[in-house]
Every structure is written in C-alpha cells, then in structure tokens.
Amino acid sequence: PRPEDRRVDAALEDGLARLSPGCQGAVVSDYRKGTVTEAGLERLKRALGDAPVVGDPKGIRPEVYRAAELLLPN
C-alpha cells in the first residue's frame, strides 16, 4: 500500500479502538465515494464484537458490505 493508505488505515484503527468500547452498533455508508472497504468493515465488526453493523451501500459495490448484518435497500 501507498504511505497515505497506511496513514488512513492507522487513523481508522485508532478511531475504532477509541470509539468501539460501549458501542451498541454502527451504520456504515460512504455515499458513493468508494471509501468503505471489505477489510475495513471486517475490522469494524471485530472491534464491535456482537454489536450489529448496518450497511447502506448506495448501490455501489454492495459486495463490500458482506460483514454487515443488515443492508438498507434504498
């Protein structure tokens, strides 16, 4: 990965570590920007444990949201 990709990944990991304790769930959408990745969503699932993840793929690459328990269809 490029250095800027590693910085983004590190910032994401830091944010997940700080915000996930006590979370009861998460809603994930990138509004057609291509930011959400399958690996990122899997990291979120691991960080949240049993808390549900809802994905809102906005019609672009819905396969990225496989780790989500629910998908919003609109």
PDB file of N, CA and C in Angstrom:
ATOM      1  N   PRO A   1       0.817  -1.206   0.000  1.00  0.00           N
ATOM      2  CA  PRO A   1       0.000   0.000   0.000  1.00  0.00           C
ATOM      3  C   PRO A   1       0.856   1.263   0.000  1.00  0.00           C
ATOM      4  N   ARG A   2       0.273   2.311  -0.499  1.00  0.00           N
ATOM      5  CA  ARG A   2       0.956   3.605  -0.526  1.00  0.00           C
ATOM      6  C   ARG A   2       1.034   4.155   0.895  1.00  0.00           C
ATOM      7  N   PRO A   3       2.009   5.032   1.177  1.00  0.00           N
ATOM      8  CA  PRO A   3       2.131   5.608   2.531  1.00  0.00           C
ATOM      9  C   PRO A   3       0.861   6.290   3.004  1.00  0.00           C
ATOM     10  N   GLU A   4       0.161   7.004   2.101  1.00  0.00           N
ATOM     11  CA  GLU A   4      -1.064   7.670   2.533  1.00  0.00           C
ATOM     12  C   GLU A   4      -2.156   6.666   2.889  1.00  0.00           C
ATOM     13  N   ASP A   5      -2.161   5.505   2.214  1.00  0.00           N
ATOM     14  CA  ASP A   5      -3.122   4.454   2.558  1.00  0.00           C
ATOM     15  C   ASP A   5      -2.840   3.916   3.957  1.00  0.00           C
ATOM     16  N   ARG A   6      -1.567   3.743   4.280  1.00  0.00           N
ATOM     17  CA  ARG A   6      -1.200   3.253   5.613  1.00  0.00           C
ATOM     18  C   ARG A   6      -1.586   4.256   6.687  1.00  0.00           C
ATOM     19  N   ARG A   7      -1.455   5.548   6.393  1.00  0.00           N
ATOM     20  CA  ARG A   7      -1.859   6.576   7.368  1.00  0.00           C
ATOM     21  C   ARG A   7      -3.368   6.538   7.599  1.00  0.00           C
ATOM     22  N   VAL A   8      -4.117   6.376   6.534  1.00  0.00           N
ATOM     23  CA  VAL A   8      -5.572   6.298   6.664  1.00  0.00           C
ATOM     24  C   VAL A   8      -5.948   5.057   7.466  1.00  0.00           C
ATOM     25  N   ASP A   9      -5.322   3.925   7.163  1.00  0.00           N
ATOM     26  CA  ASP A   9      -5.599   2.697   7.906  1.00  0.00           C
ATOM     27  C   ASP A   9      -5.270   2.863   9.388  1.00  0.00           C
ATOM     28  N   ALA A  10      -4.146   3.497   9.688  1.00  0.00           N
ATOM     29  CA  ALA A  10      -3.749   3.712  11.082  1.00  0.00           C
ATOM     30  C   ALA A  10      -4.736   4.624  11.797  1.00  0.00           C
ATOM     31  N   ALA A  11      -5.205   5.660  11.123  1.00  0.00           N
ATOM     32  CA  ALA A  11      -6.184   6.568  11.717  1.00  0.00           C
ATOM     33  C   ALA A  11      -7.504   5.842  11.960  1.00  0.00           C
ATOM     34  N   LEU A  12      -7.907   4.979  11.037  1.00  0.00           N
ATOM     35  CA  LEU A  12      -9.123   4.199  11.199  1.00  0.00           C
ATOM     36  C   LEU A  12      -9.007   3.262  12.391  1.00  0.00           C
ATOM     37  N   GLU A  13      -7.895   2.559  12.482  1.00  0.00           N
ATOM     38  CA  GLU A  13      -7.677   1.648  13.610  1.00  0.00           C
ATOM     39  C   GLU A  13      -7.719   2.399  14.935  1.00  0.00           C
ATOM     40  N   ASP A  14      -7.103   3.562  14.980  1.00  0.00           N
ATOM     41  CA  ASP A  14      -7.099   4.369  16.198  1.00  0.00           C
ATOM     42  C   ASP A  14      -8.523   4.794  16.559  1.00  0.00           C
ATOM     43  N   GLY A  15      -9.260   5.261  15.575  1.00  0.00           N
ATOM     44  CA  GLY A  15     -10.635   5.677  15.813  1.00  0.00           C
ATOM     45  C   GLY A  15     -11.505   4.527  16.298  1.00  0.00           C
ATOM     46  N   LEU A  16     -11.347   3.353  15.693  1.00  0.00           N
ATOM     47  CA  LEU A  16     -12.122   2.193  16.122  1.00  0.00           C
ATOM     48  C   LEU A  16     -11.789   1.806  17.557  1.00  0.00           C
ATOM     49  N   ALA A  17     -10.521   1.838  17.903  1.00  0.00           N
ATOM     50  CA  ALA A  17     -10.101   1.483  19.256  1.00  0.00           C
ATOM     51  C   ALA A  17     -10.678   2.455  20.284  1.00  0.00           C
ATOM     52  N   ARG A  18     -10.753   3.730  19.942  1.00  0.00           N
ATOM     53  CA  ARG A  18     -11.264   4.737  20.879  1.00  0.00           C
ATOM     54  C   ARG A  18     -12.781   4.731  20.975  1.00  0.00           C
ATOM     55  N   LEU A  19     -13.458   4.500  19.855  1.00  0.00           N
ATOM     56  CA  LEU A  19     -14.898   4.664  19.810  1.00  0.00           C
ATOM     57  C   LEU A  19     -15.706   3.382  20.026  1.00  0.00           C
ATOM     58  N   SER A  20     -15.127   2.218  19.791  1.00  0.00           N
ATOM     59  CA  SER A  20     -15.916   0.990  19.824  1.00  0.00           C
ATOM     60  C   SER A  20     -16.326   0.518  21.216  1.00  0.00           C
ATOM     61  N   PRO A  21     -15.526   0.734  22.275  1.00  0.00           N
ATOM     62  CA  PRO A  21     -15.988   0.247  23.587  1.00  0.00           C
ATOM     63  C   PRO A  21     -17.329   0.891  23.963  1.00  0.00           C
ATOM     64  N   GLY A  22     -18.280   0.043  24.272  1.00  0.00           N
ATOM     65  CA  GLY A  22     -19.588   0.545  24.664  1.00  0.00           C
ATOM     66  C   GLY A  22     -20.540   0.822  23.509  1.00  0.00           C
ATOM     67  N   CYS A  23     -20.074   0.731  22.266  1.00  0.00           N
ATOM     68  CA  CYS A  23     -20.957   0.964  21.117  1.00  0.00           C
ATOM     69  C   CYS A  23     -22.003  -0.141  21.044  1.00  0.00           C
ATOM     70  N   GLN A  24     -23.206   0.239  20.732  1.00  0.00           N
ATOM     71  CA  GLN A  24     -24.283  -0.736  20.603  1.00  0.00           C
ATOM     72  C   GLN A  24     -24.550  -1.101  19.148  1.00  0.00           C
ATOM     73  N   GLY A  25     -23.839  -0.478  18.223  1.00  0.00           N
ATOM     74  CA  GLY A  25     -23.998  -0.778  16.813  1.00  0.00           C
ATOM     75  C   GLY A  25     -23.419   0.328  15.962  1.00  0.00           C
ATOM     76  N   ALA A  26     -23.416   0.115  14.647  1.00  0.00           N
ATOM     77  CA  ALA A  26     -22.866   1.109  13.723  1.00  0.00           C
ATOM     78  C   ALA A  26     -23.629   1.067  12.409  1.00  0.00           C
ATOM     79  N   VAL A  27     -23.751   2.224  11.795  1.00  0.00           N
ATOM     80  CA  VAL A  27     -24.307   2.343  10.446  1.00  0.00           C
ATOM     81  C   VAL A  27     -23.166   2.826   9.558  1.00  0.00           C
ATOM     82  N   VAL A  28     -22.941   2.142   8.454  1.00  0.00           N
ATOM     83  CA  VAL A  28     -21.808   2.441   7.582  1.00  0.00           C
ATOM     84  C   VAL A  28     -22.305   2.764   6.179  1.00  0.00           C
ATOM     85  N   SER A  29     -21.866   3.909   5.657  1.00  0.00           N
ATOM     86  CA  SER A  29     -22.143   4.288   4.282  1.00  0.00           C
ATOM     87  C   SER A  29     -21.051   5.242   3.826  1.00  0.00           C
ATOM     88  N   ASP A  30     -20.650   5.128   2.596  1.00  0.00           N
ATOM     89  CA  ASP A  30     -19.635   6.062   2.090  1.00  0.00           C
ATOM     90  C   ASP A  30     -20.203   7.006   1.031  1.00  0.00           C
ATOM     91  N   TYR A  31     -21.508   7.003   0.880  1.00  0.00           N
ATOM     92  CA  TYR A  31     -22.189   7.931  -0.036  1.00  0.00           C
ATOM     93  C   TYR A  31     -21.561   7.955  -1.431  1.00  0.00           C
ATOM     94  N   ARG A  32     -21.290   6.743  -1.938  1.00  0.00           N
ATOM     95  CA  ARG A  32     -20.743   6.552  -3.288  1.00  0.00           C
ATOM     96  C   ARG A  32     -19.348   7.131  -3.481  1.00  0.00           C
ATOM     97  N   LYS A  33     -18.572   7.210  -2.415  1.00  0.00           N
ATOM     98  CA  LYS A  33     -17.207   7.750  -2.505  1.00  0.00           C
ATOM     99  C   LYS A  33     -16.162   6.654  -2.658  1.00  0.00           C
ATOM    100  N   GLY A  34     -16.511   5.404  -2.369  1.00  0.00           N
ATOM    101  CA  GLY A  34     -15.562   4.306  -2.507  1.00  0.00           C
ATOM    102  C   GLY A  34     -14.615   4.163  -1.320  1.00  0.00           C
ATOM    103  N   THR A  35     -14.937   4.795  -0.204  1.00  0.00           N
ATOM    104  CA  THR A  35     -14.065   4.779   0.962  1.00  0.00           C
ATOM    105  C   THR A  35     -14.186   3.490   1.766  1.00  0.00           C
ATOM    106  N   VAL A  36     -15.403   2.967   1.883  1.00  0.00           N
ATOM    107  CA  VAL A  36     -15.623   1.753   2.658  1.00  0.00           C
ATOM    108  C   VAL A  36     -15.034   0.573   1.906  1.00  0.00           C
ATOM    109  N   THR A  37     -14.267  -0.254   2.629  1.00  0.00           N
ATOM    110  CA  THR A  37     -13.680  -1.454   2.034  1.00  0.00           C
ATOM    111  C   THR A  37     -14.161  -2.675   2.810  1.00  0.00           C
ATOM    112  N   GLU A  38     -14.070  -3.821   2.184  1.00  0.00           N
ATOM    113  CA  GLU A  38     -14.455  -5.062   2.846  1.00  0.00           C
ATOM    114  C   GLU A  38     -13.581  -5.293   4.082  1.00  0.00           C
ATOM    115  N   ALA A  39     -12.280  -5.049   3.954  1.00  0.00           N
ATOM    116  CA  ALA A  39     -11.369  -5.221   5.094  1.00  0.00           C
ATOM    117  C   ALA A  39     -11.699  -4.241   6.218  1.00  0.00           C
ATOM    118  N   GLY A  40     -12.020  -3.016   5.876  1.00  0.00           N
ATOM    119  CA  GLY A  40     -12.377  -2.028   6.883  1.00  0.00           C
ATOM    120  C   GLY A  40     -13.637  -2.403   7.632  1.00  0.00           C
ATOM    121  N   LEU A  41     -14.627  -2.915   6.905  1.00  0.00           N
ATOM    122  CA  LEU A  41     -15.875  -3.326   7.536  1.00  0.00           C
ATOM    123  C   LEU A  41     -15.645  -4.536   8.440  1.00  0.00           C
ATOM    124  N   GLU A  42     -14.779  -5.438   8.031  1.00  0.00           N
ATOM    125  CA  GLU A  42     -14.449  -6.589   8.872  1.00  0.00           C
ATOM    126  C   GLU A  42     -13.735  -6.136  10.147  1.00  0.00           C
ATOM    127  N   ARG A  43     -12.854  -5.139  10.038  1.00  0.00           N
ATOM    128  CA  ARG A  43     -12.194  -4.588  11.235  1.00  0.00           C
ATOM    129  C   ARG A  43     -13.218  -3.973  12.180  1.00  0.00           C
ATOM    130  N   LEU A  44     -14.184  -3.268  11.609  1.00  0.00           N
ATOM    131  CA  LEU A  44     -15.233  -2.672  12.424  1.00  0.00           C
ATOM    132  C   LEU A  44     -16.010  -3.758  13.150  1.00  0.00           C
ATOM    133  N   LYS A  45     -16.378  -4.824  12.459  1.00  0.00           N
ATOM    134  CA  LYS A  45     -17.098  -5.934  13.081  1.00  0.00           C
ATOM    135  C   LYS A  45     -16.303  -6.519  14.242  1.00  0.00           C
ATOM    136  N   ARG A  46     -15.011  -6.724  14.040  1.00  0.00           N
ATOM    137  CA  ARG A  46     -14.171  -7.262  15.127  1.00  0.00           C
ATOM    138  C   ARG A  46     -14.139  -6.306  16.307  1.00  0.00           C
ATOM    139  N   ALA A  47     -14.030  -5.019  16.027  1.00  0.00           N
ATOM    140  CA  ALA A  47     -13.954  -4.020  17.099  1.00  0.00           C
ATOM    141  C   ALA A  47     -15.257  -3.947  17.884  1.00  0.00           C
ATOM    142  N   LEU A  48     -16.390  -4.133  17.208  1.00  0.00           N
ATOM    143  CA  LEU A  48     -17.693  -4.021  17.862  1.00  0.00           C
ATOM    144  C   LEU A  48     -18.149  -5.308  18.524  1.00  0.00           C
ATOM    145  N   GLY A  49     -17.504  -6.407  18.217  1.00  0.00           N
ATOM    146  CA  GLY A  49     -17.913  -7.682  18.800  1.00  0.00           C
ATOM    147  C   GLY A  49     -19.292  -8.084  18.335  1.00  0.00           C
ATOM    148  N   ASP A  50     -20.218  -8.238  19.286  1.00  0.00           N
ATOM    149  CA  ASP A  50     -21.571  -8.702  18.951  1.00  0.00           C
ATOM    150  C   ASP A  50     -22.514  -7.587  18.517  1.00  0.00           C
ATOM    151  N   ALA A  51     -22.079  -6.341  18.578  1.00  0.00           N
ATOM    152  CA  ALA A  51     -22.944  -5.226  18.192  1.00  0.00           C
ATOM    153  C   ALA A  51     -23.187  -5.271  16.680  1.00  0.00           C
ATOM    154  N   PRO A  52     -24.405  -4.979  16.248  1.00  0.00           N
ATOM    155  CA  PRO A  52     -24.730  -5.072  14.818  1.00  0.00           C
ATOM    156  C   PRO A  52     -24.124  -3.942  13.982  1.00  0.00           C
ATOM    157  N   VAL A  53     -23.862  -4.288  12.731  1.00  0.00           N
ATOM    158  CA  VAL A  53     -23.410  -3.305  11.741  1.00  0.00           C
ATOM    159  C   VAL A  53     -24.454  -3.268  10.638  1.00  0.00           C
ATOM    160  N   VAL A  54     -24.934  -2.071  10.334  1.00  0.00           N
ATOM    161  CA  VAL A  54     -25.904  -1.865   9.264  1.00  0.00           C
ATOM    162  C   VAL A  54     -25.173  -1.166   8.119  1.00  0.00           C
ATOM    163  N   GLY A  55     -25.289  -1.705   6.921  1.00  0.00           N
ATOM    164  CA  GLY A  55     -24.636  -1.115   5.762  1.00  0.00           C
ATOM    165  C   GLY A  55     -25.635  -0.406   4.861  1.00  0.00           C
ATOM    166  N   ASP A  56     -25.229   0.716   4.325  1.00  0.00           N
ATOM    167  CA  ASP A  56     -26.045   1.475   3.376  1.00  0.00           C
ATOM    168  C   ASP A  56     -25.189   1.713   2.134  1.00  0.00           C
ATOM    169  N   PRO A  57     -25.129   0.723   1.228  1.00  0.00           N
ATOM    170  CA  PRO A  57     -24.180   0.775   0.116  1.00  0.00           C
ATOM    171  C   PRO A  57     -24.488   1.783  -0.982  1.00  0.00           C
ATOM    172  N   LYS A  58     -25.635   2.374  -1.028  1.00  0.00           N
ATOM    173  CA  LYS A  58     -25.983   3.372  -2.040  1.00  0.00           C
ATOM    174  C   LYS A  58     -25.796   2.849  -3.467  1.00  0.00           C
ATOM    175  N   GLY A  59     -25.903   1.533  -3.648  1.00  0.00           N
ATOM    176  CA  GLY A  59     -25.884   0.956  -4.985  1.00  0.00           C
ATOM    177  C   GLY A  59     -24.518   0.725  -5.593  1.00  0.00           C
ATOM    178  N   ILE A  60     -23.452   1.148  -4.927  1.00  0.00           N
ATOM    179  CA  ILE A  60     -22.102   0.965  -5.475  1.00  0.00           C
ATOM    180  C   ILE A  60     -21.410  -0.154  -4.706  1.00  0.00           C
ATOM    181  N   ARG A  61     -20.963  -1.157  -5.407  1.00  0.00           N
ATOM    182  CA  ARG A  61     -20.211  -2.276  -4.832  1.00  0.00           C
ATOM    183  C   ARG A  61     -20.830  -2.822  -3.543  1.00  0.00           C
ATOM    184  N   PRO A  62     -22.042  -3.311  -3.580  1.00  0.00           N
ATOM    185  CA  PRO A  62     -22.674  -3.823  -2.358  1.00  0.00           C
ATOM    186  C   PRO A  62     -21.938  -5.020  -1.764  1.00  0.00           C
ATOM    187  N   GLU A  63     -21.132  -5.726  -2.548  1.00  0.00           N
ATOM    188  CA  GLU A  63     -20.392  -6.881  -2.033  1.00  0.00           C
ATOM    189  C   GLU A  63     -19.421  -6.492  -0.918  1.00  0.00           C
ATOM    190  N   VAL A  64     -19.023  -5.233  -0.870  1.00  0.00           N
ATOM    191  CA  VAL A  64     -18.124  -4.739   0.177  1.00  0.00           C
ATOM    192  C   VAL A  64     -18.781  -4.877   1.546  1.00  0.00           C
ATOM    193  N   TYR A  65     -20.095  -4.868   1.588  1.00  0.00           N
ATOM    194  CA  TYR A  65     -20.844  -4.840   2.844  1.00  0.00           C
ATOM    195  C   TYR A  65     -21.227  -6.232   3.347  1.00  0.00           C
ATOM    196  N   ARG A  66     -20.524  -7.274   2.935  1.00  0.00           N
ATOM    197  CA  ARG A  66     -20.846  -8.647   3.337  1.00  0.00           C
ATOM    198  C   ARG A  66     -20.834  -8.856   4.850  1.00  0.00           C
ATOM    199  N   ALA A  67     -19.981  -8.159   5.557  1.00  0.00           N
ATOM    200  CA  ALA A  67     -19.871  -8.338   7.011  1.00  0.00           C
ATOM    201  C   ALA A  67     -21.036  -7.698   7.767  1.00  0.00           C
ATOM    202  N   ALA A  68     -21.821  -6.886   7.106  1.00  0.00           N
ATOM    203  CA  ALA A  68     -22.954  -6.212   7.769  1.00  0.00           C
ATOM    204  C   ALA A  68     -24.084  -7.205   8.014  1.00  0.00           C
ATOM    205  N   GLU A  69     -24.769  -7.043   9.152  1.00  0.00           N
ATOM    206  CA  GLU A  69     -25.924  -7.903   9.438  1.00  0.00           C
ATOM    207  C   GLU A  69     -27.134  -7.478   8.627  1.00  0.00           C
ATOM    208  N   LEU A  70     -27.263  -6.193   8.385  1.00  0.00           N
ATOM    209  CA  LEU A  70     -28.394  -5.654   7.641  1.00  0.00           C
ATOM    210  C   LEU A  70     -27.910  -4.697   6.575  1.00  0.00           C
ATOM    211  N   LEU A  71     -28.643  -4.632   5.457  1.00  0.00           N
ATOM    212  CA  LEU A  71     -28.374  -3.640   4.421  1.00  0.00           C
ATOM    213  C   LEU A  71     -29.623  -2.802   4.204  1.00  0.00           C
ATOM    214  N   LEU A  72     -29.443  -1.521   4.065  1.00  0.00           N
ATOM    215  CA  LEU A  72     -30.554  -0.643   3.738  1.00  0.00           C
ATOM    216  C   LEU A  72     -30.739  -0.686   2.230  1.00  0.00           C
ATOM    217  N   PRO A  73     -31.946  -0.946   1.746  1.00  0.00           N
ATOM    218  CA  PRO A  73     -32.138  -1.163   0.315  1.00  0.00           C
ATOM    219  C   PRO A  73     -32.245   0.106  -0.523  1.00  0.00           C
ATOM    220  N   ASN A  74     -32.306   1.284   0.063  1.00  0.00           N
ATOM    221  CA  ASN A  74     -32.519   2.466  -0.763  1.00  0.00           C
ATOM    222  C   ASN A  74     -31.269   3.269  -0.909  1.00  0.00           C
TER     223      ASN A  74
END
